[in-house]
PDB file of N, CA and C in Angstrom:
ATOM      1  N   UNK A   1      30.783  68.671  -7.156  1.00  0.00           N
ATOM      2  CA  UNK A   1      31.695  67.904  -6.350  1.00  0.00           C
ATOM      3  C   UNK A   1      33.112  68.470  -6.487  1.00  0.00           C
ATOM      4  N   UNK A   2      33.856  68.380  -5.408  1.00  0.00           N
ATOM      5  CA  UNK A   2      35.210  68.902  -5.375  1.00  0.00           C
ATOM      6  C   UNK A   2      36.177  67.882  -5.982  1.00  0.00           C
ATOM      7  N   UNK A   3      37.130  68.329  -6.799  1.00  0.00           N
ATOM      8  CA  UNK A   3      38.035  67.379  -7.458  1.00  0.00           C
ATOM      9  C   UNK A   3      38.981  66.671  -6.484  1.00  0.00           C
ATOM     10  N   UNK A   4      39.307  67.296  -5.338  1.00  0.00           N
ATOM     11  CA  UNK A   4      40.244  66.647  -4.413  1.00  0.00           C
ATOM     12  C   UNK A   4      39.580  65.546  -3.585  1.00  0.00           C
ATOM     13  N   UNK A   5      38.292  65.389  -3.715  1.00  0.00           N
ATOM     14  CA  UNK A   5      37.596  64.323  -3.010  1.00  0.00           C
ATOM     15  C   UNK A   5      37.731  62.989  -3.731  1.00  0.00           C
ATOM     16  N   UNK A   6      38.274  62.994  -4.905  1.00  0.00           N
ATOM     17  CA  UNK A   6      38.425  61.758  -5.660  1.00  0.00           C
ATOM     18  C   UNK A   6      39.865  61.267  -5.586  1.00  0.00           C
ATOM     19  N   UNK A   7      40.056  60.024  -5.792  1.00  0.00           N
ATOM     20  CA  UNK A   7      41.405  59.492  -5.906  1.00  0.00           C
ATOM     21  C   UNK A   7      42.005  59.141  -4.556  1.00  0.00           C
ATOM     22  N   UNK A   8      42.841  60.006  -4.010  1.00  0.00           N
ATOM     23  CA  UNK A   8      43.610  59.700  -2.812  1.00  0.00           C
ATOM     24  C   UNK A   8      43.038  60.342  -1.557  1.00  0.00           C
ATOM     25  N   UNK A   9      41.841  60.704  -1.520  1.00  0.00           N
ATOM     26  CA  UNK A   9      41.243  61.308  -0.346  1.00  0.00           C
ATOM     27  C   UNK A   9      41.477  62.799  -0.319  1.00  0.00           C
ATOM     28  N   UNK A  10      41.265  63.388   0.833  1.00  0.00           N
ATOM     29  CA  UNK A  10      41.340  64.837   0.935  1.00  0.00           C
ATOM     30  C   UNK A  10      42.768  65.362   0.870  1.00  0.00           C
ATOM     31  N   UNK A  11      43.770  64.492   1.012  1.00  0.00           N
ATOM     32  CA  UNK A  11      45.151  64.940   0.921  1.00  0.00           C
ATOM     33  C   UNK A  11      45.672  64.929  -0.509  1.00  0.00           C
ATOM     34  N   UNK A  12      44.944  64.363  -1.413  1.00  0.00           N
ATOM     35  CA  UNK A  12      45.406  64.285  -2.793  1.00  0.00           C
ATOM     36  C   UNK A  12      46.592  63.346  -2.882  1.00  0.00           C
ATOM     37  N   UNK A  13      47.519  63.660  -3.749  1.00  0.00           N
ATOM     38  CA  UNK A  13      48.722  62.844  -3.907  1.00  0.00           C
ATOM     39  C   UNK A  13      49.648  62.912  -2.716  1.00  0.00           C
ATOM     40  N   UNK A  14      49.495  63.950  -1.897  1.00  0.00           N
ATOM     41  CA  UNK A  14      50.349  64.089  -0.719  1.00  0.00           C
ATOM     42  C   UNK A  14      50.079  63.007   0.320  1.00  0.00           C
ATOM     43  N   UNK A  15      48.890  62.432   0.324  1.00  0.00           N
ATOM     44  CA  UNK A  15      48.575  61.351   1.261  1.00  0.00           C
ATOM     45  C   UNK A  15      49.478  60.153   1.055  1.00  0.00           C
ATOM     46  N   UNK A  16      49.739  59.808  -0.181  1.00  0.00           N
ATOM     47  CA  UNK A  16      50.644  58.694  -0.460  1.00  0.00           C
ATOM     48  C   UNK A  16      52.074  59.050  -0.069  1.00  0.00           C
ATOM     49  N   UNK A  17      52.485  60.291  -0.324  1.00  0.00           N
ATOM     50  CA  UNK A  17      53.834  60.715   0.013  1.00  0.00           C
ATOM     51  C   UNK A  17      54.052  60.680   1.522  1.00  0.00           C
ATOM     52  N   UNK A  18      53.132  61.283   2.268  1.00  0.00           N
ATOM     53  CA  UNK A  18      53.268  61.303   3.730  1.00  0.00           C
ATOM     54  C   UNK A  18      53.144  59.909   4.323  1.00  0.00           C
ATOM     55  N   UNK A  19      52.281  59.100   3.775  1.00  0.00           N
ATOM     56  CA  UNK A  19      52.147  57.724   4.262  1.00  0.00           C
ATOM     57  C   UNK A  19      53.432  56.946   4.059  1.00  0.00           C
ATOM     58  N   UNK A  20      54.054  57.104   2.898  1.00  0.00           N
ATOM     59  CA  UNK A  20      55.323  56.425   2.627  1.00  0.00           C
ATOM     60  C   UNK A  20      56.438  56.920   3.533  1.00  0.00           C
ATOM     61  N   UNK A  21      56.471  58.239   3.747  1.00  0.00           N
ATOM     62  CA  UNK A  21      57.501  58.799   4.630  1.00  0.00           C
ATOM     63  C   UNK A  21      57.306  58.340   6.071  1.00  0.00           C
ATOM     64  N   UNK A  22      56.060  58.290   6.517  1.00  0.00           N
ATOM     65  CA  UNK A  22      55.802  57.831   7.876  1.00  0.00           C
ATOM     66  C   UNK A  22      56.188  56.367   8.042  1.00  0.00           C
ATOM     67  N   UNK A  23      55.926  55.549   7.036  1.00  0.00           N
ATOM     68  CA  UNK A  23      56.310  54.147   7.110  1.00  0.00           C
ATOM     69  C   UNK A  23      57.827  54.008   7.142  1.00  0.00           C
ATOM     70  N   UNK A  24      58.511  54.816   6.330  1.00  0.00           N
ATOM     71  CA  UNK A  24      59.968  54.790   6.319  1.00  0.00           C
ATOM     72  C   UNK A  24      60.527  55.226   7.672  1.00  0.00           C
ATOM     73  N   UNK A  25      59.985  56.299   8.239  1.00  0.00           N
ATOM     74  CA  UNK A  25      60.431  56.757   9.557  1.00  0.00           C
ATOM     75  C   UNK A  25      60.172  55.703  10.626  1.00  0.00           C
ATOM     76  N   UNK A  26      59.058  55.023  10.544  1.00  0.00           N
ATOM     77  CA  UNK A  26      58.740  53.974  11.505  1.00  0.00           C
ATOM     78  C   UNK A  26      59.788  52.873  11.458  1.00  0.00           C
ATOM     79  N   UNK A  27      60.107  52.377  10.264  1.00  0.00           N
ATOM     80  CA  UNK A  27      61.057  51.278  10.152  1.00  0.00           C
ATOM     81  C   UNK A  27      62.477  51.715  10.518  1.00  0.00           C
ATOM     82  N   UNK A  28      62.862  52.912  10.132  1.00  0.00           N
ATOM     83  CA  UNK A  28      64.187  53.407  10.518  1.00  0.00           C
ATOM     84  C   UNK A  28      64.261  53.553  12.038  1.00  0.00           C
ATOM     85  N   UNK A  29      63.223  54.094  12.641  1.00  0.00           N
ATOM     86  CA  UNK A  29      63.186  54.222  14.097  1.00  0.00           C
ATOM     87  C   UNK A  29      63.247  52.875  14.789  1.00  0.00           C
ATOM     88  N   UNK A  30      62.553  51.894  14.254  1.00  0.00           N
ATOM     89  CA  UNK A  30      62.558  50.556  14.833  1.00  0.00           C
ATOM     90  C   UNK A  30      63.946  49.922  14.728  1.00  0.00           C
ATOM     91  N   UNK A  31      64.612  50.109  13.614  1.00  0.00           N
ATOM     92  CA  UNK A  31      65.966  49.569  13.440  1.00  0.00           C
ATOM     93  C   UNK A  31      66.946  50.268  14.377  1.00  0.00           C
ATOM     94  N   UNK A  32      66.848  51.584  14.499  1.00  0.00           N
ATOM     95  CA  UNK A  32      67.740  52.329  15.400  1.00  0.00           C
ATOM     96  C   UNK A  32      67.496  51.910  16.842  1.00  0.00           C
ATOM     97  N   UNK A  33      66.252  51.751  17.231  1.00  0.00           N
ATOM     98  CA  UNK A  33      65.922  51.295  18.585  1.00  0.00           C
ATOM     99  C   UNK A  33      66.503  49.910  18.842  1.00  0.00           C
ATOM    100  N   UNK A  34      66.387  49.021  17.874  1.00  0.00           N
ATOM    101  CA  UNK A  34      66.956  47.682  18.013  1.00  0.00           C
ATOM    102  C   UNK A  34      68.465  47.722  18.150  1.00  0.00           C
ATOM    103  N   UNK A  35      69.115  48.587  17.382  1.00  0.00           N
ATOM    104  CA  UNK A  35      70.571  48.732  17.459  1.00  0.00           C
ATOM    105  C   UNK A  35      71.000  49.146  18.865  1.00  0.00           C
ATOM    106  N   UNK A  36      70.349  50.169  19.412  1.00  0.00           N
ATOM    107  CA  UNK A  36      70.728  50.635  20.742  1.00  0.00           C
ATOM    108  C   UNK A  36      70.384  49.609  21.822  1.00  0.00           C
ATOM    109  N   UNK A  37      69.334  48.864  21.646  1.00  0.00           N
ATOM    110  CA  UNK A  37      68.985  47.814  22.605  1.00  0.00           C
ATOM    111  C   UNK A  37      70.043  46.720  22.611  1.00  0.00           C
ATOM    112  N   UNK A  38      70.449  46.261  21.434  1.00  0.00           N
ATOM    113  CA  UNK A  38      71.485  45.229  21.357  1.00  0.00           C
ATOM    114  C   UNK A  38      72.801  45.752  21.918  1.00  0.00           C
ATOM    115  N   UNK A  39      73.133  46.992  21.604  1.00  0.00           N
ATOM    116  CA  UNK A  39      74.368  47.593  22.120  1.00  0.00           C
ATOM    117  C   UNK A  39      74.362  47.676  23.649  1.00  0.00           C
ATOM    118  N   UNK A  40      73.228  48.047  24.218  1.00  0.00           N
ATOM    119  CA  UNK A  40      73.124  48.130  25.683  1.00  0.00           C
ATOM    120  C   UNK A  40      73.237  46.746  26.310  1.00  0.00           C
ATOM    121  N   UNK A  41      72.642  45.741  25.686  1.00  0.00           N
ATOM    122  CA  UNK A  41      72.731  44.390  26.226  1.00  0.00           C
ATOM    123  C   UNK A  41      74.156  43.855  26.164  1.00  0.00           C
ATOM    124  N   UNK A  42      74.867  44.162  25.090  1.00  0.00           N
ATOM    125  CA  UNK A  42      76.258  43.718  24.981  1.00  0.00           C
ATOM    126  C   UNK A  42      77.111  44.389  26.045  1.00  0.00           C
ATOM    127  N   UNK A  43      76.906  45.688  26.239  1.00  0.00           N
ATOM    128  CA  UNK A  43      77.676  46.393  27.276  1.00  0.00           C
ATOM    129  C   UNK A  43      77.352  45.871  28.665  1.00  0.00           C
ATOM    130  N   UNK A  44      76.094  45.557  28.920  1.00  0.00           N
ATOM    131  CA  UNK A  44      75.711  45.020  30.228  1.00  0.00           C
ATOM    132  C   UNK A  44      76.371  43.671  30.451  1.00  0.00           C
ATOM    133  N   UNK A  45      76.465  42.872  29.398  1.00  0.00           N
ATOM    134  CA  UNK A  45      77.130  41.573  29.515  1.00  0.00           C
ATOM    135  C   UNK A  45      78.605  41.719  29.803  1.00  0.00           C
ATOM    136  N   UNK A  46      79.246  42.666  29.150  1.00  0.00           N
ATOM    137  CA  UNK A  46      80.665  42.903  29.402  1.00  0.00           C
ATOM    138  C   UNK A  46      80.883  43.402  30.825  1.00  0.00           C
ATOM    139  N   UNK A  47      80.005  44.270  31.296  1.00  0.00           N
ATOM    140  CA  UNK A  47      80.146  44.819  32.647  1.00  0.00           C
ATOM    141  C   UNK A  47      79.997  43.718  33.690  1.00  0.00           C
ATOM    142  N   UNK A  48      79.051  42.806  33.487  1.00  0.00           N
ATOM    143  CA  UNK A  48      78.863  41.736  34.467  1.00  0.00           C
ATOM    144  C   UNK A  48      80.043  40.779  34.441  1.00  0.00           C
ATOM    145  N   UNK A  49      80.660  40.571  33.267  1.00  0.00           N
ATOM    146  CA  UNK A  49      81.845  39.715  33.204  1.00  0.00           C
ATOM    147  C   UNK A  49      83.021  40.350  33.917  1.00  0.00           C
ATOM    148  N   UNK A  50      83.207  41.657  33.762  1.00  0.00           N
ATOM    149  CA  UNK A  50      84.333  42.312  34.410  1.00  0.00           C
ATOM    150  C   UNK A  50      84.151  42.355  35.921  1.00  0.00           C
ATOM    151  N   UNK A  51      82.919  42.464  36.389  1.00  0.00           N
ATOM    152  CA  UNK A  51      82.659  42.450  37.832  1.00  0.00           C
ATOM    153  C   UNK A  51      82.981  41.085  38.391  1.00  0.00           C
ATOM    154  N   UNK A  52      82.578  40.024  37.716  1.00  0.00           N
ATOM    155  CA  UNK A  52      82.844  38.689  38.225  1.00  0.00           C
ATOM    156  C   UNK A  52      84.337  38.379  38.195  1.00  0.00           C
ATOM    157  N   UNK A  53      85.066  38.892  37.190  1.00  0.00           N
ATOM    158  CA  UNK A  53      86.503  38.686  37.139  1.00  0.00           C
ATOM    159  C   UNK A  53      87.204  39.428  38.272  1.00  0.00           C
ATOM    160  N   UNK A  54      86.756  40.649  38.565  1.00  0.00           N
ATOM    161  CA  UNK A  54      87.407  41.408  39.632  1.00  0.00           C
ATOM    162  C   UNK A  54      87.102  40.806  40.998  1.00  0.00           C
ATOM    163  N   UNK A  55      85.957  40.166  41.157  1.00  0.00           N
ATOM    164  CA  UNK A  55      85.644  39.512  42.421  1.00  0.00           C
ATOM    165  C   UNK A  55      86.455  38.247  42.601  1.00  0.00           C
ATOM    166  N   UNK A  56      86.912  37.627  41.524  1.00  0.00           N
ATOM    167  CA  UNK A  56      87.670  36.394  41.606  1.00  0.00           C
ATOM    168  C   UNK A  56      89.131  36.642  41.969  1.00  0.00           C
ATOM    169  N   UNK A  57      89.631  37.857  41.797  1.00  0.00           N
ATOM    170  CA  UNK A  57      91.022  38.163  42.100  1.00  0.00           C
ATOM    171  C   UNK A  57      91.230  38.321  43.594  1.00  0.00           C
ATOM    172  N   UNK A  58      92.421  37.998  44.060  1.00  0.00           N
ATOM    173  CA  UNK A  58      92.745  38.294  45.459  1.00  0.00           C
ATOM    174  C   UNK A  58      92.774  39.799  45.699  1.00  0.00           C
ATOM    175  N   UNK A  59      92.529  40.204  46.911  1.00  0.00           N
ATOM    176  CA  UNK A  59      92.433  41.628  47.234  1.00  0.00           C
ATOM    177  C   UNK A  59      93.743  42.355  46.987  1.00  0.00           C
ATOM    178  N   UNK A  60      94.876  41.696  47.206  1.00  0.00           N
ATOM    179  CA  UNK A  60      96.169  42.330  47.006  1.00  0.00           C
ATOM    180  C   UNK A  60      96.398  42.715  45.553  1.00  0.00           C
ATOM    181  N   UNK A  61      95.961  41.882  44.640  1.00  0.00           N
ATOM    182  CA  UNK A  61      96.126  42.196  43.226  1.00  0.00           C
ATOM    183  C   UNK A  61      95.282  43.396  42.838  1.00  0.00           C
ATOM    184  N   UNK A  62      94.105  43.500  43.381  1.00  0.00           N
ATOM    185  CA  UNK A  62      93.231  44.635  43.060  1.00  0.00           C
ATOM    186  C   UNK A  62      93.849  45.929  43.573  1.00  0.00           C
ATOM    187  N   UNK A  63      94.440  45.887  44.742  1.00  0.00           N
ATOM    188  CA  UNK A  63      95.087  47.081  45.288  1.00  0.00           C
ATOM    189  C   UNK A  63      96.271  47.487  44.413  1.00  0.00           C
ATOM    190  N   UNK A  64      97.019  46.501  43.948  1.00  0.00           N
ATOM    191  CA  UNK A  64      98.149  46.798  43.076  1.00  0.00           C
ATOM    192  C   UNK A  64      97.670  47.366  41.742  1.00  0.00           C
ATOM    193  N   UNK A  65      96.542  46.872  41.249  1.00  0.00           N
ATOM    194  CA  UNK A  65      95.956  47.422  40.015  1.00  0.00           C
ATOM    195  C   UNK A  65      95.586  48.890  40.195  1.00  0.00           C
ATOM    196  N   UNK A  66      95.035  49.222  41.356  1.00  0.00           N
ATOM    197  CA  UNK A  66      94.655  50.613  41.631  1.00  0.00           C
ATOM    198  C   UNK A  66      95.890  51.508  41.665  1.00  0.00           C
ATOM    199  N   UNK A  67      96.951  51.019  42.297  1.00  0.00           N
ATOM    200  CA  UNK A  67      98.198  51.791  42.355  1.00  0.00           C
ATOM    201  C   UNK A  67      98.742  51.993  40.944  1.00  0.00           C
ATOM    202  N   UNK A  68      98.695  50.965  40.108  1.00  0.00           N
ATOM    203  CA  UNK A  68      99.161  51.100  38.718  1.00  0.00           C
ATOM    204  C   UNK A  68      98.324  52.129  37.957  1.00  0.00           C
ATOM    205  N   UNK A  69      97.009  52.096  38.156  1.00  0.00           N
ATOM    206  CA  UNK A  69      96.129  53.054  37.485  1.00  0.00           C
ATOM    207  C   UNK A  69      96.438  54.478  37.922  1.00  0.00           C
ATOM    208  N   UNK A  70      96.659  54.668  39.221  1.00  0.00           N
ATOM    209  CA  UNK A  70      96.975  56.005  39.718  1.00  0.00           C
ATOM    210  C   UNK A  70      98.297  56.509  39.144  1.00  0.00           C
ATOM    211  N   UNK A  71      99.281  55.608  39.030  1.00  0.00           N
ATOM    212  CA  UNK A  71     100.567  55.986  38.444  1.00  0.00           C
ATOM    213  C   UNK A  71     100.399  56.325  36.961  1.00  0.00           C
ATOM    214  N   UNK A  72      99.591  55.548  36.272  1.00  0.00           N
ATOM    215  CA  UNK A  72      99.359  55.791  34.839  1.00  0.00           C
ATOM    216  C   UNK A  72      98.657  57.123  34.611  1.00  0.00           C
ATOM    217  N   UNK A  73      97.763  57.505  35.528  1.00  0.00           N
ATOM    218  CA  UNK A  73      97.069  58.793  35.384  1.00  0.00           C
ATOM    219  C   UNK A  73      97.921  59.969  35.839  1.00  0.00           C
ATOM    220  N   UNK A  74      99.074  59.677  36.471  1.00  0.00           N
ATOM    221  CA  UNK A  74      99.960  60.745  36.920  1.00  0.00           C
ATOM    222  C   UNK A  74      99.606  61.289  38.289  1.00  0.00           C
ATOM    223  N   UNK A  75      98.803  60.557  39.040  1.00  0.00           N
ATOM    224  CA  UNK A  75      98.410  61.028  40.374  1.00  0.00           C
ATOM    225  C   UNK A  75      99.527  60.838  41.391  1.00  0.00           C
ATOM    226  N   UNK A  76     100.404  59.862  41.147  1.00  0.00           N
ATOM    227  CA  UNK A  76     101.507  59.608  42.074  1.00  0.00           C
ATOM    228  C   UNK A  76     102.812  59.579  41.283  1.00  0.00           C
ATOM    229  N   UNK A  77     103.918  59.834  41.983  1.00  0.00           N
ATOM    230  CA  UNK A  77     105.232  59.839  41.337  1.00  0.00           C
ATOM    231  C   UNK A  77     105.780  58.416  41.276  1.00  0.00           C
ATOM    232  N   UNK A  78     106.902  58.256  40.574  1.00  0.00           N
ATOM    233  CA  UNK A  78     107.558  56.955  40.448  1.00  0.00           C
ATOM    234  C   UNK A  78     107.992  56.437  41.820  1.00  0.00           C
ATOM    235  N   UNK A  79     108.512  57.330  42.645  1.00  0.00           N
ATOM    236  CA  UNK A  79     108.961  56.924  43.980  1.00  0.00           C
ATOM    237  C   UNK A  79     107.782  56.441  44.827  1.00  0.00           C
ATOM    238  N   UNK A  80     106.679  57.182  44.770  1.00  0.00           N
ATOM    239  CA  UNK A  80     105.486  56.764  45.510  1.00  0.00           C
ATOM    240  C   UNK A  80     104.966  55.429  44.995  1.00  0.00           C
ATOM    241  N   UNK A  81     104.979  55.253  43.674  1.00  0.00           N
ATOM    242  CA  UNK A  81     104.527  54.000  43.083  1.00  0.00           C
ATOM    243  C   UNK A  81     105.386  52.832  43.562  1.00  0.00           C
ATOM    244  N   UNK A  82     106.710  53.017  43.523  1.00  0.00           N
ATOM    245  CA  UNK A  82     107.619  51.946  43.963  1.00  0.00           C
ATOM    246  C   UNK A  82     107.404  51.609  45.439  1.00  0.00           C
ATOM    247  N   UNK A  83     107.218  52.637  46.262  1.00  0.00           N
ATOM    248  CA  UNK A  83     107.015  52.412  47.692  1.00  0.00           C
ATOM    249  C   UNK A  83     105.688  51.680  47.947  1.00  0.00           C
ATOM    250  N   UNK A  84     104.616  52.094  47.265  1.00  0.00           N
ATOM    251  CA  UNK A  84     103.315  51.435  47.447  1.00  0.00           C
ATOM    252  C   UNK A  84     103.341  50.004  46.942  1.00  0.00           C
ATOM    253  N   UNK A  85     104.011  49.790  45.828  1.00  0.00           N
ATOM    254  CA  UNK A  85     104.125  48.432  45.287  1.00  0.00           C
ATOM    255  C   UNK A  85     104.916  47.543  46.245  1.00  0.00           C
ATOM    256  N   UNK A  86     105.982  48.079  46.808  1.00  0.00           N
ATOM    257  CA  UNK A  86     106.779  47.324  47.784  1.00  0.00           C
ATOM    258  C   UNK A  86     105.947  47.017  49.031  1.00  0.00           C
ATOM    259  N   UNK A  87     105.172  47.986  49.511  1.00  0.00           N
ATOM    260  CA  UNK A  87     104.337  47.774  50.698  1.00  0.00           C
ATOM    261  C   UNK A  87     103.281  46.702  50.446  1.00  0.00           C
ATOM    262  N   UNK A  88     102.704  46.690  49.251  1.00  0.00           N
ATOM    263  CA  UNK A  88     101.664  45.718  48.942  1.00  0.00           C
ATOM    264  C   UNK A  88     102.207  44.323  48.739  1.00  0.00           C
ATOM    265  N   UNK A  89     103.451  44.200  48.287  1.00  0.00           N
ATOM    266  CA  UNK A  89     104.034  42.882  48.062  1.00  0.00           C
ATOM    267  C   UNK A  89     104.545  42.229  49.345  1.00  0.00           C
ATOM    268  N   UNK A  90     104.680  42.995  50.407  1.00  0.00           N
ATOM    269  CA  UNK A  90     105.190  42.438  51.685  1.00  0.00           C
ATOM    270  C   UNK A  90     104.155  41.681  52.420  1.00  0.00           C
TER     271      UNK A  90
END
């Protein structure tokens, strides 16, 4: 009879090592998957709240927000910003 047929099966002591590592990888993977799932759900909730808030604003305020964003990004000059803001407030 072969000595490796006794004890831990045909893998010998390595069967316990690989089994433990596979169990550890399984639980770590499950925790990481849960983390990303919760993170995605939180982001989806924030996105739906911001959409509902933007729909509640009057259209003029949203246009002014866009002009402010463009000015902040440097797409328009101060003079253009002042003129657009004046046009939107009229």
